Amino acid sequence: SPNLPIVFTCNSGNRTTKQSDLLEELAG
């Protein structure tokens, strides 16, 4: 939500970068 955004993390940032479109969609 605007008051409580999600911050995604992985080990080095590579997975979150590669899957950023999917993660953004799933965050809603």
mmCIF file of all heavy atoms, coordinates in Angstrom:
data_MODEL
# 
_entry.id   MODEL 
# 
loop_
_atom_site.group_PDB 
_atom_site.id 
_atom_site.type_symbol 
_atom_site.label_atom_id 
_atom_site.label_alt_id 
_atom_site.label_comp_id 
_atom_site.label_asym_id 
_atom_site.label_entity_id 
_atom_site.label_seq_id 
_atom_site.pdbx_PDB_ins_code 
_atom_site.Cartn_x 
_atom_site.Cartn_y 
_atom_site.Cartn_z 
_atom_site.occupancy 
_atom_site.B_iso_or_equiv 
_atom_site.pdbx_formal_charge 
_atom_site.auth_seq_id 
_atom_site.auth_comp_id 
_atom_site.auth_asym_id 
_atom_site.auth_atom_id 
_atom_site.pdbx_PDB_model_num 
ATOM 1   N N   . SER A 1 1  ? 0.858  -1.179  0.000   1.00 0.00 ? 1  SER A N   1 
ATOM 2   C CA  . SER A 1 1  ? 0.000  0.000   0.000   1.00 0.00 ? 1  SER A CA  1 
ATOM 3   C C   . SER A 1 1  ? 0.899  1.234   0.000   1.00 0.00 ? 1  SER A C   1 
ATOM 4   O O   . SER A 1 1  ? 2.087  1.139   0.319   1.00 0.00 ? 1  SER A O   1 
ATOM 5   C CB  . SER A 1 1  ? -0.899 0.003   1.242   1.00 0.00 ? 1  SER A CB  1 
ATOM 6   O OG  . SER A 1 1  ? -0.120 0.209   2.404   1.00 0.00 ? 1  SER A OG  1 
ATOM 7   N N   . PRO A 1 2  ? 0.342  2.392   -0.330  1.00 0.00 ? 2  PRO A N   1 
ATOM 8   C CA  . PRO A 1 2  ? 1.169  3.606   -0.307  1.00 0.00 ? 2  PRO A CA  1 
ATOM 9   C C   . PRO A 1 2  ? 1.793  3.858   1.075   1.00 0.00 ? 2  PRO A C   1 
ATOM 10  O O   . PRO A 1 2  ? 2.897  4.384   1.171   1.00 0.00 ? 2  PRO A O   1 
ATOM 11  C CB  . PRO A 1 2  ? 0.194  4.715   -0.676  1.00 0.00 ? 2  PRO A CB  1 
ATOM 12  C CG  . PRO A 1 2  ? -0.872 4.032   -1.476  1.00 0.00 ? 2  PRO A CG  1 
ATOM 13  C CD  . PRO A 1 2  ? -0.990 2.659   -0.870  1.00 0.00 ? 2  PRO A CD  1 
ATOM 14  N N   . ASN A 1 3  ? 1.097  3.444   2.129   1.00 0.00 ? 3  ASN A N   1 
ATOM 15  C CA  . ASN A 1 3  ? 1.621  3.637   3.489   1.00 0.00 ? 3  ASN A CA  1 
ATOM 16  C C   . ASN A 1 3  ? 2.608  2.552   3.897   1.00 0.00 ? 3  ASN A C   1 
ATOM 17  O O   . ASN A 1 3  ? 3.366  2.724   4.849   1.00 0.00 ? 3  ASN A O   1 
ATOM 18  C CB  . ASN A 1 3  ? 0.473  3.648   4.503   1.00 0.00 ? 3  ASN A CB  1 
ATOM 19  C CG  . ASN A 1 3  ? -0.456 4.823   4.294   1.00 0.00 ? 3  ASN A CG  1 
ATOM 20  O OD1 . ASN A 1 3  ? -0.074 5.845   3.734   1.00 0.00 ? 3  ASN A OD1 1 
ATOM 21  N ND2 . ASN A 1 3  ? -1.689 4.660   4.717   1.00 0.00 ? 3  ASN A ND2 1 
ATOM 22  N N   . LEU A 1 4  ? 2.569  1.403   3.198   1.00 0.00 ? 4  LEU A N   1 
ATOM 23  C CA  . LEU A 1 4  ? 3.424  0.279   3.550   1.00 0.00 ? 4  LEU A CA  1 
ATOM 24  C C   . LEU A 1 4  ? 3.907  -0.438  2.281   1.00 0.00 ? 4  LEU A C   1 
ATOM 25  O O   . LEU A 1 4  ? 3.438  -1.524  1.934   1.00 0.00 ? 4  LEU A O   1 
ATOM 26  C CB  . LEU A 1 4  ? 2.649  -0.695  4.449   1.00 0.00 ? 4  LEU A CB  1 
ATOM 27  C CG  . LEU A 1 4  ? 3.469  -1.697  5.244   1.00 0.00 ? 4  LEU A CG  1 
ATOM 28  C CD1 . LEU A 1 4  ? 4.426  -0.998  6.214   1.00 0.00 ? 4  LEU A CD1 1 
ATOM 29  C CD2 . LEU A 1 4  ? 2.553  -2.634  6.004   1.00 0.00 ? 4  LEU A CD2 1 
ATOM 30  N N   . PRO A 1 5  ? 4.875  0.182   1.583   1.00 0.00 ? 5  PRO A N   1 
ATOM 31  C CA  . PRO A 1 5  ? 5.401  -0.458  0.364   1.00 0.00 ? 5  PRO A CA  1 
ATOM 32  C C   . PRO A 1 5  ? 6.213  -1.704  0.706   1.00 0.00 ? 5  PRO A C   1 
ATOM 33  O O   . PRO A 1 5  ? 6.651  -1.885  1.842   1.00 0.00 ? 5  PRO A O   1 
ATOM 34  C CB  . PRO A 1 5  ? 6.287  0.623   -0.251  1.00 0.00 ? 5  PRO A CB  1 
ATOM 35  C CG  . PRO A 1 5  ? 6.610  1.551   0.855   1.00 0.00 ? 5  PRO A CG  1 
ATOM 36  C CD  . PRO A 1 5  ? 5.503  1.456   1.863   1.00 0.00 ? 5  PRO A CD  1 
ATOM 37  N N   . ILE A 1 6  ? 6.401  -2.544  -0.304  1.00 0.00 ? 6  ILE A N   1 
ATOM 38  C CA  . ILE A 1 6  ? 7.212  -3.750  -0.143  1.00 0.00 ? 6  ILE A CA  1 
ATOM 39  C C   . ILE A 1 6  ? 8.607  -3.485  -0.705  1.00 0.00 ? 6  ILE A C   1 
ATOM 40  O O   . ILE A 1 6  ? 8.754  -2.931  -1.787  1.00 0.00 ? 6  ILE A O   1 
ATOM 41  C CB  . ILE A 1 6  ? 6.587  -4.950  -0.884  1.00 0.00 ? 6  ILE A CB  1 
ATOM 42  C CG1 . ILE A 1 6  ? 5.266  -5.343  -0.242  1.00 0.00 ? 6  ILE A CG1 1 
ATOM 43  C CG2 . ILE A 1 6  ? 7.546  -6.135  -0.898  1.00 0.00 ? 6  ILE A CG2 1 
ATOM 44  C CD1 . ILE A 1 6  ? 4.531  -6.478  -0.955  1.00 0.00 ? 6  ILE A CD1 1 
ATOM 45  N N   . VAL A 1 7  ? 9.618  -3.896  0.065   1.00 0.00 ? 7  VAL A N   1 
ATOM 46  C CA  . VAL A 1 7  ? 10.998 -3.874  -0.402  1.00 0.00 ? 7  VAL A CA  1 
ATOM 47  C C   . VAL A 1 7  ? 11.408 -5.325  -0.589  1.00 0.00 ? 7  VAL A C   1 
ATOM 48  O O   . VAL A 1 7  ? 11.356 -6.120  0.348   1.00 0.00 ? 7  VAL A O   1 
ATOM 49  C CB  . VAL A 1 7  ? 11.938 -3.180  0.598   1.00 0.00 ? 7  VAL A CB  1 
ATOM 50  C CG1 . VAL A 1 7  ? 13.389 -3.278  0.137   1.00 0.00 ? 7  VAL A CG1 1 
ATOM 51  C CG2 . VAL A 1 7  ? 11.547 -1.720  0.791   1.00 0.00 ? 7  VAL A CG2 1 
ATOM 52  N N   . PHE A 1 8  ? 11.774 -5.683  -1.817  1.00 0.00 ? 8  PHE A N   1 
ATOM 53  C CA  . PHE A 1 8  ? 12.201 -7.050  -2.121  1.00 0.00 ? 8  PHE A CA  1 
ATOM 54  C C   . PHE A 1 8  ? 13.714 -7.145  -1.997  1.00 0.00 ? 8  PHE A C   1 
ATOM 55  O O   . PHE A 1 8  ? 14.437 -6.202  -2.323  1.00 0.00 ? 8  PHE A O   1 
ATOM 56  C CB  . PHE A 1 8  ? 11.792 -7.444  -3.541  1.00 0.00 ? 8  PHE A CB  1 
ATOM 57  C CG  . PHE A 1 8  ? 10.317 -7.644  -3.709  1.00 0.00 ? 8  PHE A CG  1 
ATOM 58  C CD1 . PHE A 1 8  ? 9.527  -6.661  -4.293  1.00 0.00 ? 8  PHE A CD1 1 
ATOM 59  C CD2 . PHE A 1 8  ? 9.704  -8.820  -3.285  1.00 0.00 ? 8  PHE A CD2 1 
ATOM 60  C CE1 . PHE A 1 8  ? 8.167  -6.837  -4.456  1.00 0.00 ? 8  PHE A CE1 1 
ATOM 61  C CE2 . PHE A 1 8  ? 8.341  -9.010  -3.439  1.00 0.00 ? 8  PHE A CE2 1 
ATOM 62  C CZ  . PHE A 1 8  ? 7.561  -8.022  -4.028  1.00 0.00 ? 8  PHE A CZ  1 
ATOM 63  N N   . THR A 1 9  ? 14.170 -8.304  -1.536  1.00 0.00 ? 9  THR A N   1 
ATOM 64  C CA  . THR A 1 9  ? 15.603 -8.540  -1.457  1.00 0.00 ? 9  THR A CA  1 
ATOM 65  C C   . THR A 1 9  ? 15.911 -9.986  -1.792  1.00 0.00 ? 9  THR A C   1 
ATOM 66  O O   . THR A 1 9  ? 15.047 -10.857 -1.690  1.00 0.00 ? 9  THR A O   1 
ATOM 67  C CB  . THR A 1 9  ? 16.167 -8.193  -0.060  1.00 0.00 ? 9  THR A CB  1 
ATOM 68  O OG1 . THR A 1 9  ? 17.592 -8.241  -0.108  1.00 0.00 ? 9  THR A OG1 1 
ATOM 69  C CG2 . THR A 1 9  ? 15.652 -9.130  1.021   1.00 0.00 ? 9  THR A CG2 1 
ATOM 70  N N   . CYS A 1 10 ? 17.139 -10.217 -2.224  1.00 0.00 ? 10 CYS A N   1 
ATOM 71  C CA  . CYS A 1 10 ? 17.643 -11.564 -2.469  1.00 0.00 ? 10 CYS A CA  1 
ATOM 72  C C   . CYS A 1 10 ? 19.050 -11.598 -1.896  1.00 0.00 ? 10 CYS A C   1 
ATOM 73  O O   . CYS A 1 10 ? 19.349 -10.848 -0.978  1.00 0.00 ? 10 CYS A O   1 
ATOM 74  C CB  . CYS A 1 10 ? 17.598 -11.912 -3.956  1.00 0.00 ? 10 CYS A CB  1 
ATOM 75  S SG  . CYS A 1 10 ? 18.608 -10.846 -5.005  1.00 0.00 ? 10 CYS A SG  1 
ATOM 76  N N   . ASN A 1 11 ? 19.921 -12.408 -2.426  1.00 0.00 ? 11 ASN A N   1 
ATOM 77  C CA  . ASN A 1 11 ? 21.274 -12.477 -1.887  1.00 0.00 ? 11 ASN A CA  1 
ATOM 78  C C   . ASN A 1 11 ? 22.137 -11.296 -2.328  1.00 0.00 ? 11 ASN A C   1 
ATOM 79  O O   . ASN A 1 11 ? 22.776 -10.656 -1.508  1.00 0.00 ? 11 ASN A O   1 
ATOM 80  C CB  . ASN A 1 11 ? 21.947 -13.790 -2.279  1.00 0.00 ? 11 ASN A CB  1 
ATOM 81  C CG  . ASN A 1 11 ? 23.273 -13.963 -1.581  1.00 0.00 ? 11 ASN A CG  1 
ATOM 82  O OD1 . ASN A 1 11 ? 23.353 -13.875 -0.371  1.00 0.00 ? 11 ASN A OD1 1 
ATOM 83  N ND2 . ASN A 1 11 ? 24.323 -14.176 -2.345  1.00 0.00 ? 11 ASN A ND2 1 
ATOM 84  N N   . SER A 1 12 ? 22.139 -11.006 -3.624  1.00 0.00 ? 12 SER A N   1 
ATOM 85  C CA  . SER A 1 12 ? 23.029 -9.962  -4.143  1.00 0.00 ? 12 SER A CA  1 
ATOM 86  C C   . SER A 1 12 ? 22.302 -8.850  -4.893  1.00 0.00 ? 12 SER A C   1 
ATOM 87  O O   . SER A 1 12 ? 22.921 -7.861  -5.273  1.00 0.00 ? 12 SER A O   1 
ATOM 88  C CB  . SER A 1 12 ? 24.056 -10.577 -5.091  1.00 0.00 ? 12 SER A CB  1 
ATOM 89  O OG  . SER A 1 12 ? 23.399 -11.088 -6.235  1.00 0.00 ? 12 SER A OG  1 
ATOM 90  N N   . GLY A 1 13 ? 21.023 -9.020  -5.136  1.00 0.00 ? 13 GLY A N   1 
ATOM 91  C CA  . GLY A 1 13 ? 20.258 -8.058  -5.925  1.00 0.00 ? 13 GLY A CA  1 
ATOM 92  C C   . GLY A 1 13 ? 20.011 -8.513  -7.347  1.00 0.00 ? 13 GLY A C   1 
ATOM 93  O O   . GLY A 1 13 ? 19.180 -7.936  -8.047  1.00 0.00 ? 13 GLY A O   1 
ATOM 94  N N   . ASN A 1 14 ? 20.720 -9.551  -7.793  1.00 0.00 ? 14 ASN A N   1 
ATOM 95  C CA  . ASN A 1 14 ? 20.557 -10.020 -9.175  1.00 0.00 ? 14 ASN A CA  1 
ATOM 96  C C   . ASN A 1 14 ? 19.168 -10.587 -9.445  1.00 0.00 ? 14 ASN A C   1 
ATOM 97  O O   . ASN A 1 14 ? 18.553 -10.284 -10.456 1.00 0.00 ? 14 ASN A O   1 
ATOM 98  C CB  . ASN A 1 14 ? 21.616 -11.066 -9.522  1.00 0.00 ? 14 ASN A CB  1 
ATOM 99  C CG  . ASN A 1 14 ? 22.988 -10.457 -9.679  1.00 0.00 ? 14 ASN A CG  1 
ATOM 100 O OD1 . ASN A 1 14 ? 23.123 -9.265  -9.938  1.00 0.00 ? 14 ASN A OD1 1 
ATOM 101 N ND2 . ASN A 1 14 ? 24.009 -11.252 -9.491  1.00 0.00 ? 14 ASN A ND2 1 
ATOM 102 N N   . ARG A 1 15 ? 18.680 -11.441 -8.549  1.00 0.00 ? 15 ARG A N   1 
ATOM 103 C CA  . ARG A 1 15 ? 17.360 -12.053 -8.770  1.00 0.00 ? 15 ARG A CA  1 
ATOM 104 C C   . ARG A 1 15 ? 16.254 -11.007 -8.743  1.00 0.00 ? 15 ARG A C   1 
ATOM 105 O O   . ARG A 1 15 ? 15.325 -11.071 -9.546  1.00 0.00 ? 15 ARG A O   1 
ATOM 106 C CB  . ARG A 1 15 ? 17.079 -13.130 -7.714  1.00 0.00 ? 15 ARG A CB  1 
ATOM 107 C CG  . ARG A 1 15 ? 17.704 -14.460 -8.050  1.00 0.00 ? 15 ARG A CG  1 
ATOM 108 C CD  . ARG A 1 15 ? 17.475 -15.451 -6.945  1.00 0.00 ? 15 ARG A CD  1 
ATOM 109 N NE  . ARG A 1 15 ? 18.544 -15.286 -5.970  1.00 0.00 ? 15 ARG A NE  1 
ATOM 110 C CZ  . ARG A 1 15 ? 18.771 -16.086 -4.945  1.00 0.00 ? 15 ARG A CZ  1 
ATOM 111 N NH1 . ARG A 1 15 ? 17.971 -17.106 -4.715  1.00 0.00 ? 15 ARG A NH1 1 
ATOM 112 N NH2 . ARG A 1 15 ? 19.779 -15.888 -4.147  1.00 0.00 ? 15 ARG A NH2 1 
ATOM 113 N N   . THR A 1 16 ? 16.346 -10.064 -7.820  1.00 0.00 ? 16 THR A N   1 
ATOM 114 C CA  . THR A 1 16 ? 15.299 -9.043  -7.767  1.00 0.00 ? 16 THR A CA  1 
ATOM 115 C C   . THR A 1 16 ? 15.339 -8.159  -9.010  1.00 0.00 ? 16 THR A C   1 
ATOM 116 O O   . THR A 1 16 ? 14.298 -7.762  -9.515  1.00 0.00 ? 16 THR A O   1 
ATOM 117 C CB  . THR A 1 16 ? 15.409 -8.181  -6.484  1.00 0.00 ? 16 THR A CB  1 
ATOM 118 O OG1 . THR A 1 16 ? 16.734 -7.727  -6.323  1.00 0.00 ? 16 THR A OG1 1 
ATOM 119 C CG2 . THR A 1 16 ? 14.973 -8.951  -5.269  1.00 0.00 ? 16 THR A CG2 1 
ATOM 120 N N   . THR A 1 17 ? 16.519 -7.886  -9.515  1.00 0.00 ? 17 THR A N   1 
ATOM 121 C CA  . THR A 1 17 ? 16.631 -7.087  -10.739 1.00 0.00 ? 17 THR A CA  1 
ATOM 122 C C   . THR A 1 17 ? 16.050 -7.851  -11.925 1.00 0.00 ? 17 THR A C   1 
ATOM 123 O O   . THR A 1 17 ? 15.257 -7.316  -12.696 1.00 0.00 ? 17 THR A O   1 
ATOM 124 C CB  . THR A 1 17 ? 18.100 -6.717  -11.019 1.00 0.00 ? 17 THR A CB  1 
ATOM 125 O OG1 . THR A 1 17 ? 18.584 -5.928  -9.925  1.00 0.00 ? 17 THR A OG1 1 
ATOM 126 C CG2 . THR A 1 17 ? 18.238 -5.949  -12.311 1.00 0.00 ? 17 THR A CG2 1 
ATOM 127 N N   . LYS A 1 18 ? 16.435 -9.130  -12.065 1.00 0.00 ? 18 LYS A N   1 
ATOM 128 C CA  . LYS A 1 18 ? 15.960 -9.931  -13.196 1.00 0.00 ? 18 LYS A CA  1 
ATOM 129 C C   . LYS A 1 18 ? 14.454 -10.173 -13.154 1.00 0.00 ? 18 LYS A C   1 
ATOM 130 O O   . LYS A 1 18 ? 13.819 -10.293 -14.185 1.00 0.00 ? 18 LYS A O   1 
ATOM 131 C CB  . LYS A 1 18 ? 16.692 -11.274 -13.239 1.00 0.00 ? 18 LYS A CB  1 
ATOM 132 C CG  . LYS A 1 18 ? 18.137 -11.161 -13.653 1.00 0.00 ? 18 LYS A CG  1 
ATOM 133 C CD  . LYS A 1 18 ? 18.817 -12.516 -13.637 1.00 0.00 ? 18 LYS A CD  1 
ATOM 134 C CE  . LYS A 1 18 ? 20.281 -12.371 -14.009 1.00 0.00 ? 18 LYS A CE  1 
ATOM 135 N NZ  . LYS A 1 18 ? 20.997 -13.644 -13.884 1.00 0.00 ? 18 LYS A NZ  1 
ATOM 136 N N   . GLN A 1 19 ? 13.889 -10.258 -11.965 1.00 0.00 ? 19 GLN A N   1 
ATOM 137 C CA  . GLN A 1 19 ? 12.460 -10.559 -11.819 1.00 0.00 ? 19 GLN A CA  1 
ATOM 138 C C   . GLN A 1 19 ? 11.649 -9.339  -11.379 1.00 0.00 ? 19 GLN A C   1 
ATOM 139 O O   . GLN A 1 19 ? 10.542 -9.486  -10.864 1.00 0.00 ? 19 GLN A O   1 
ATOM 140 C CB  . GLN A 1 19 ? 12.281 -11.696 -10.802 1.00 0.00 ? 19 GLN A CB  1 
ATOM 141 C CG  . GLN A 1 19 ? 12.937 -12.984 -11.209 1.00 0.00 ? 19 GLN A CG  1 
ATOM 142 C CD  . GLN A 1 19 ? 12.327 -13.581 -12.461 1.00 0.00 ? 19 GLN A CD  1 
ATOM 143 O OE1 . GLN A 1 19 ? 11.135 -13.470 -12.698 1.00 0.00 ? 19 GLN A OE1 1 
ATOM 144 N NE2 . GLN A 1 19 ? 13.153 -14.199 -13.295 1.00 0.00 ? 19 GLN A NE2 1 
ATOM 145 N N   . SER A 1 20 ? 12.179 -8.153  -11.600 1.00 0.00 ? 20 SER A N   1 
ATOM 146 C CA  . SER A 1 20 ? 11.527 -6.943  -11.098 1.00 0.00 ? 20 SER A CA  1 
ATOM 147 C C   . SER A 1 20 ? 10.113 -6.746  -11.639 1.00 0.00 ? 20 SER A C   1 
ATOM 148 O O   . SER A 1 20 ? 9.217  -6.321  -10.902 1.00 0.00 ? 20 SER A O   1 
ATOM 149 C CB  . SER A 1 20 ? 12.378 -5.704  -11.365 1.00 0.00 ? 20 SER A CB  1 
ATOM 150 O OG  . SER A 1 20 ? 12.553 -5.498  -12.742 1.00 0.00 ? 20 SER A OG  1 
ATOM 151 N N   . ASP A 1 21 ? 9.866  -7.087  -12.897 1.00 0.00 ? 21 ASP A N   1 
ATOM 152 C CA  . ASP A 1 21 ? 8.517  -6.938  -13.451 1.00 0.00 ? 21 ASP A CA  1 
ATOM 153 C C   . ASP A 1 21 ? 7.521  -7.846  -12.727 1.00 0.00 ? 21 ASP A C   1 
ATOM 154 O O   . ASP A 1 21 ? 6.429  -7.418  -12.354 1.00 0.00 ? 21 ASP A O   1 
ATOM 155 C CB  . ASP A 1 21 ? 8.496  -7.233  -14.951 1.00 0.00 ? 21 ASP A CB  1 
ATOM 156 C CG  . ASP A 1 21 ? 9.226  -6.179  -15.765 1.00 0.00 ? 21 ASP A CG  1 
ATOM 157 O OD1 . ASP A 1 21 ? 9.421  -5.061  -15.265 1.00 0.00 ? 21 ASP A OD1 1 
ATOM 158 O OD2 . ASP A 1 21 ? 9.605  -6.489  -16.924 1.00 0.00 ? 21 ASP A OD2 1 
ATOM 159 N N   . LEU A 1 22 ? 7.907  -9.097  -12.522 1.00 0.00 ? 22 LEU A N   1 
ATOM 160 C CA  . LEU A 1 22 ? 7.045  -10.045 -11.811 1.00 0.00 ? 22 LEU A CA  1 
ATOM 161 C C   . LEU A 1 22 ? 6.818  -9.589  -10.371 1.00 0.00 ? 22 LEU A C   1 
ATOM 162 O O   . LEU A 1 22 ? 5.684  -9.585  -9.887  1.00 0.00 ? 22 LEU A O   1 
ATOM 163 C CB  . LEU A 1 22 ? 7.680  -11.440 -11.808 1.00 0.00 ? 22 LEU A CB  1 
ATOM 164 C CG  . LEU A 1 22 ? 7.009  -12.481 -10.905 1.00 0.00 ? 22 LEU A CG  1 
ATOM 165 C CD1 . LEU A 1 22 ? 5.607  -12.813 -11.411 1.00 0.00 ? 22 LEU A CD1 1 
ATOM 166 C CD2 . LEU A 1 22 ? 7.872  -13.723 -10.802 1.00 0.00 ? 22 LEU A CD2 1 
ATOM 167 N N   . LEU A 1 23 ? 7.884  -9.179  -9.691  1.00 0.00 ? 23 LEU A N   1 
ATOM 168 C CA  . LEU A 1 23 ? 7.761  -8.768  -8.291  1.00 0.00 ? 23 LEU A CA  1 
ATOM 169 C C   . LEU A 1 23 ? 6.894  -7.523  -8.152  1.00 0.00 ? 23 LEU A C   1 
ATOM 170 O O   . LEU A 1 23 ? 6.074  -7.433  -7.232  1.00 0.00 ? 23 LEU A O   1 
ATOM 171 C CB  . LEU A 1 23 ? 9.149  -8.532  -7.689  1.00 0.00 ? 23 LEU A CB  1 
ATOM 172 C CG  . LEU A 1 23 ? 10.043 -9.770  -7.616  1.00 0.00 ? 23 LEU A CG  1 
ATOM 173 C CD1 . LEU A 1 23 ? 11.439 -9.396  -7.168  1.00 0.00 ? 23 LEU A CD1 1 
ATOM 174 C CD2 . LEU A 1 23 ? 9.441  -10.824 -6.708  1.00 0.00 ? 23 LEU A CD2 1 
ATOM 175 N N   . GLU A 1 24 ? 7.043  -6.593  -9.081  1.00 0.00 ? 24 GLU A N   1 
ATOM 176 C CA  . GLU A 1 24 ? 6.219  -5.385  -9.050  1.00 0.00 ? 24 GLU A CA  1 
ATOM 177 C C   . GLU A 1 24 ? 4.746  -5.737  -9.229  1.00 0.00 ? 24 GLU A C   1 
ATOM 178 O O   . GLU A 1 24 ? 3.873  -5.203  -8.551  1.00 0.00 ? 24 GLU A O   1 
ATOM 179 C CB  . GLU A 1 24 ? 6.691  -4.426  -10.147 1.00 0.00 ? 24 GLU A CB  1 
ATOM 180 C CG  . GLU A 1 24 ? 6.099  -3.044  -10.037 1.00 0.00 ? 24 GLU A CG  1 
ATOM 181 C CD  . GLU A 1 24 ? 6.799  -2.066  -10.958 1.00 0.00 ? 24 GLU A CD  1 
ATOM 182 O OE1 . GLU A 1 24 ? 7.420  -2.485  -11.962 1.00 0.00 ? 24 GLU A OE1 1 
ATOM 183 O OE2 . GLU A 1 24 ? 6.709  -0.855  -10.679 1.00 0.00 ? 24 GLU A OE2 1 
ATOM 184 N N   . GLU A 1 25 ? 4.478  -6.678  -10.127 1.00 0.00 ? 25 GLU A N   1 
ATOM 185 C CA  . GLU A 1 25 ? 3.102  -7.123  -10.364 1.00 0.00 ? 25 GLU A CA  1 
ATOM 186 C C   . GLU A 1 25 ? 2.536  -7.806  -9.118  1.00 0.00 ? 25 GLU A C   1 
ATOM 187 O O   . GLU A 1 25 ? 1.404  -7.543  -8.707  1.00 0.00 ? 25 GLU A O   1 
ATOM 188 C CB  . GLU A 1 25 ? 3.082  -8.083  -11.550 1.00 0.00 ? 25 GLU A CB  1 
ATOM 189 C CG  . GLU A 1 25 ? 1.720  -8.658  -11.855 1.00 0.00 ? 25 GLU A CG  1 
ATOM 190 C CD  . GLU A 1 25 ? 1.782  -9.694  -12.971 1.00 0.00 ? 25 GLU A CD  1 
ATOM 191 O OE1 . GLU A 1 25 ? 2.576  -9.516  -13.921 1.00 0.00 ? 25 GLU A OE1 1 
ATOM 192 O OE2 . GLU A 1 25 ? 1.037  -10.680 -12.867 1.00 0.00 ? 25 GLU A OE2 1 
ATOM 193 N N   . LEU A 1 26 ? 3.328  -8.695  -8.505  1.00 0.00 ? 26 LEU A N   1 
ATOM 194 C CA  . LEU A 1 26 ? 2.871  -9.426  -7.330  1.00 0.00 ? 26 LEU A CA  1 
ATOM 195 C C   . LEU A 1 26 ? 2.698  -8.524  -6.107  1.00 0.00 ? 26 LEU A C   1 
ATOM 196 O O   . LEU A 1 26 ? 1.883  -8.819  -5.235  1.00 0.00 ? 26 LEU A O   1 
ATOM 197 C CB  . LEU A 1 26 ? 3.838  -10.563 -6.995  1.00 0.00 ? 26 LEU A CB  1 
ATOM 198 C CG  . LEU A 1 26 ? 3.891  -11.700 -7.997  1.00 0.00 ? 26 LEU A CG  1 
ATOM 199 C CD1 . LEU A 1 26 ? 5.012  -12.675 -7.638  1.00 0.00 ? 26 LEU A CD1 1 
ATOM 200 C CD2 . LEU A 1 26 ? 2.561  -12.434 -8.064  1.00 0.00 ? 26 LEU A CD2 1 
ATOM 201 N N   . ALA A 1 27 ? 3.460  -7.436  -6.055  1.00 0.00 ? 27 ALA A N   1 
ATOM 202 C CA  . ALA A 1 27 ? 3.355  -6.515  -4.914  1.00 0.00 ? 27 ALA A CA  1 
ATOM 203 C C   . ALA A 1 27 ? 1.985  -5.853  -4.880  1.00 0.00 ? 27 ALA A C   1 
ATOM 204 O O   . ALA A 1 27 ? 1.462  -5.544  -3.810  1.00 0.00 ? 27 ALA A O   1 
ATOM 205 C CB  . ALA A 1 27 ? 4.455  -5.470  -4.964  1.00 0.00 ? 27 ALA A CB  1 
ATOM 206 N N   . GLY A 1 28 ? 1.406  -5.603  -6.041  1.00 0.00 ? 28 GLY A N   1 
ATOM 207 C CA  . GLY A 1 28 ? 0.082  -4.992  -6.091  1.00 0.00 ? 28 GLY A CA  1 
ATOM 208 C C   . GLY A 1 28 ? 0.051  -3.567  -5.565  1.00 0.00 ? 28 GLY A C   1 
ATOM 209 O O   . GLY A 1 28 ? -1.011 -3.059  -5.187  1.00 0.00 ? 28 GLY A O   1 
# 
